[in-house]
Amino acid sequence: GTKLKILSVHFFGSKWEIEVELAEDDIDFIEENENKM
């Protein structure tokens, strides 16, 4: 299975900064995504 956990979400004026942890099977890794609105 796949689990998705949001670690932190920050909003700076016009930019979202989202840090999530994606766990698939026994592999854990942290992925950072920056999305400009």
PDB file of N, CA and C in Angstrom:
ATOM      1  N   GLY A   1       0.817  -1.205   0.000  1.00  0.00           N
ATOM      2  CA  GLY A   1       0.000   0.000   0.000  1.00  0.00           C
ATOM      3  C   GLY A   1       0.849   1.253   0.000  1.00  0.00           C
ATOM      4  N   THR A   2       0.195   2.388  -0.151  1.00  0.00           N
ATOM      5  CA  THR A   2       0.912   3.665  -0.157  1.00  0.00           C
ATOM      6  C   THR A   2       0.300   4.618   0.863  1.00  0.00           C
ATOM      7  N   LYS A   3       1.164   5.185   1.696  1.00  0.00           N
ATOM      8  CA  LYS A   3       0.690   6.148   2.692  1.00  0.00           C
ATOM      9  C   LYS A   3       1.267   7.521   2.379  1.00  0.00           C
ATOM     10  N   LEU A   4       0.451   8.547   2.553  1.00  0.00           N
ATOM     11  CA  LEU A   4       0.928   9.908   2.339  1.00  0.00           C
ATOM     12  C   LEU A   4       0.638  10.732   3.584  1.00  0.00           C
ATOM     13  N   LYS A   5       1.708  11.264   4.190  1.00  0.00           N
ATOM     14  CA  LYS A   5       1.546  12.055   5.405  1.00  0.00           C
ATOM     15  C   LYS A   5       2.112  13.446   5.182  1.00  0.00           C
ATOM     16  N   ILE A   6       1.313  14.459   5.476  1.00  0.00           N
ATOM     17  CA  ILE A   6       1.778  15.834   5.336  1.00  0.00           C
ATOM     18  C   ILE A   6       2.501  16.247   6.609  1.00  0.00           C
ATOM     19  N   LEU A   7       3.776  16.615   6.452  1.00  0.00           N
ATOM     20  CA  LEU A   7       4.569  16.994   7.614  1.00  0.00           C
ATOM     21  C   LEU A   7       4.366  18.462   7.963  1.00  0.00           C
ATOM     22  N   SER A   8       4.421  19.321   6.948  1.00  0.00           N
ATOM     23  CA  SER A   8       4.236  20.744   7.214  1.00  0.00           C
ATOM     24  C   SER A   8       3.778  21.481   5.961  1.00  0.00           C
ATOM     25  N   VAL A   9       2.966  22.505   6.168  1.00  0.00           N
ATOM     26  CA  VAL A   9       2.494  23.329   5.057  1.00  0.00           C
ATOM     27  C   VAL A   9       2.689  24.796   5.418  1.00  0.00           C
ATOM     28  N   HIS A  10       3.383  25.527   4.547  1.00  0.00           N
ATOM     29  CA  HIS A  10       3.620  26.950   4.803  1.00  0.00           C
ATOM     30  C   HIS A  10       3.120  27.771   3.621  1.00  0.00           C
ATOM     31  N   PHE A  11       2.602  28.949   3.910  1.00  0.00           N
ATOM     32  CA  PHE A  11       2.107  29.826   2.853  1.00  0.00           C
ATOM     33  C   PHE A  11       2.763  31.190   2.985  1.00  0.00           C
ATOM     34  N   PHE A  12       3.543  31.561   1.955  1.00  0.00           N
ATOM     35  CA  PHE A  12       4.243  32.842   1.997  1.00  0.00           C
ATOM     36  C   PHE A  12       3.695  33.767   0.920  1.00  0.00           C
ATOM     37  N   GLY A  13       2.676  34.535   1.255  1.00  0.00           N
ATOM     38  CA  GLY A  13       2.145  35.503   0.305  1.00  0.00           C
ATOM     39  C   GLY A  13       1.524  34.859  -0.927  1.00  0.00           C
ATOM     40  N   SER A  14       2.385  34.427  -1.857  1.00  0.00           N
ATOM     41  CA  SER A  14       1.860  33.831  -3.088  1.00  0.00           C
ATOM     42  C   SER A  14       2.506  32.480  -3.388  1.00  0.00           C
ATOM     43  N   LYS A  15       3.195  31.927  -2.396  1.00  0.00           N
ATOM     44  CA  LYS A  15       3.855  30.643  -2.619  1.00  0.00           C
ATOM     45  C   LYS A  15       3.523  29.644  -1.530  1.00  0.00           C
ATOM     46  N   TRP A  16       3.135  28.442  -1.943  1.00  0.00           N
ATOM     47  CA  TRP A  16       2.882  27.357  -1.003  1.00  0.00           C
ATOM     48  C   TRP A  16       4.125  26.497  -0.876  1.00  0.00           C
ATOM     49  N   GLU A  17       4.479  26.146   0.353  1.00  0.00           N
ATOM     50  CA  GLU A  17       5.580  25.217   0.552  1.00  0.00           C
ATOM     51  C   GLU A  17       5.049  24.026   1.337  1.00  0.00           C
ATOM     52  N   ILE A  18       5.011  22.878   0.700  1.00  0.00           N
ATOM     53  CA  ILE A  18       4.431  21.686   1.313  1.00  0.00           C
ATOM     54  C   ILE A  18       5.482  20.598   1.456  1.00  0.00           C
ATOM     55  N   GLU A  19       5.621  20.074   2.677  1.00  0.00           N
ATOM     56  CA  GLU A  19       6.555  18.985   2.904  1.00  0.00           C
ATOM     57  C   GLU A  19       5.763  17.731   3.251  1.00  0.00           C
ATOM     58  N   VAL A  20       5.940  16.701   2.459  1.00  0.00           N
ATOM     59  CA  VAL A  20       5.170  15.477   2.669  1.00  0.00           C
ATOM     60  C   VAL A  20       6.081  14.267   2.795  1.00  0.00           C
ATOM     61  N   GLU A  21       5.576  13.242   3.446  1.00  0.00           N
ATOM     62  CA  GLU A  21       6.313  11.996   3.560  1.00  0.00           C
ATOM     63  C   GLU A  21       5.530  10.903   2.845  1.00  0.00           C
ATOM     64  N   LEU A  22       6.158  10.306   1.849  1.00  0.00           N
ATOM     65  CA  LEU A  22       5.501   9.257   1.083  1.00  0.00           C
ATOM     66  C   LEU A  22       6.105   7.906   1.439  1.00  0.00           C
ATOM     67  N   ALA A  23       5.278   7.029   1.980  1.00  0.00           N
ATOM     68  CA  ALA A  23       5.758   5.712   2.392  1.00  0.00           C
ATOM     69  C   ALA A  23       5.098   4.632   1.546  1.00  0.00           C
ATOM     70  N   GLU A  24       5.904   3.920   0.784  1.00  0.00           N
ATOM     71  CA  GLU A  24       5.381   2.836  -0.043  1.00  0.00           C
ATOM     72  C   GLU A  24       6.078   1.540   0.347  1.00  0.00           C
ATOM     73  N   ASP A  25       5.302   0.575   0.800  1.00  0.00           N
ATOM     74  CA  ASP A  25       5.850  -0.687   1.295  1.00  0.00           C
ATOM     75  C   ASP A  25       6.799  -0.406   2.461  1.00  0.00           C
ATOM     76  N   ASP A  26       8.091  -0.742   2.298  1.00  0.00           N
ATOM     77  CA  ASP A  26       9.048  -0.522   3.387  1.00  0.00           C
ATOM     78  C   ASP A  26      10.030   0.591   3.049  1.00  0.00           C
ATOM     79  N   ILE A  27       9.702   1.366   2.032  1.00  0.00           N
ATOM     80  CA  ILE A  27      10.604   2.443   1.620  1.00  0.00           C
ATOM     81  C   ILE A  27      10.050   3.785   2.105  1.00  0.00           C
ATOM     82  N   ASP A  28      10.861   4.496   2.868  1.00  0.00           N
ATOM     83  CA  ASP A  28      10.451   5.812   3.366  1.00  0.00           C
ATOM     84  C   ASP A  28      11.355   6.895   2.789  1.00  0.00           C
ATOM     85  N   PHE A  29      10.744   7.921   2.237  1.00  0.00           N
ATOM     86  CA  PHE A  29      11.532   9.052   1.779  1.00  0.00           C
ATOM     87  C   PHE A  29      10.710  10.328   1.870  1.00  0.00           C
ATOM     88  N   ILE A  30      11.424  11.458   1.986  1.00  0.00           N
ATOM     89  CA  ILE A  30      10.762  12.752   2.123  1.00  0.00           C
ATOM     90  C   ILE A  30      10.890  13.528   0.815  1.00  0.00           C
ATOM     91  N   GLU A  31       9.761  14.049   0.368  1.00  0.00           N
ATOM     92  CA  GLU A  31       9.753  14.796  -0.878  1.00  0.00           C
ATOM     93  C   GLU A  31       9.230  16.204  -0.618  1.00  0.00           C
ATOM     94  N   GLU A  32       9.971  17.208  -1.115  1.00  0.00           N
ATOM     95  CA  GLU A  32       9.534  18.583  -0.922  1.00  0.00           C
ATOM     96  C   GLU A  32       9.017  19.140  -2.236  1.00  0.00           C
ATOM     97  N   ASN A  33       7.847  19.730  -2.190  1.00  0.00           N
ATOM     98  CA  ASN A  33       7.254  20.309  -3.397  1.00  0.00           C
ATOM     99  C   ASN A  33       6.942  21.776  -3.170  1.00  0.00           C
ATOM    100  N   GLU A  34       7.304  22.616  -4.162  1.00  0.00           N
ATOM    101  CA  GLU A  34       6.968  24.029  -4.064  1.00  0.00           C
ATOM    102  C   GLU A  34       6.059  24.380  -5.227  1.00  0.00           C
ATOM    103  N   ASN A  35       4.890  24.886  -4.904  1.00  0.00           N
ATOM    104  CA  ASN A  35       3.931  25.251  -5.945  1.00  0.00           C
ATOM    105  C   ASN A  35       3.600  26.733  -5.853  1.00  0.00           C
ATOM    106  N   LYS A  36       3.798  27.459  -6.964  1.00  0.00           N
ATOM    107  CA  LYS A  36       3.464  28.879  -6.974  1.00  0.00           C
ATOM    108  C   LYS A  36       2.045  29.049  -7.496  1.00  0.00           C
ATOM    109  N   MET A  37       1.224  29.712  -6.752  1.00  0.00           N
ATOM    110  CA  MET A  37      -0.173  29.895  -7.135  1.00  0.00           C
ATOM    111  C   MET A  37      -0.265  31.032  -8.157  1.00  0.00           C
TER     112      MET A  37
END
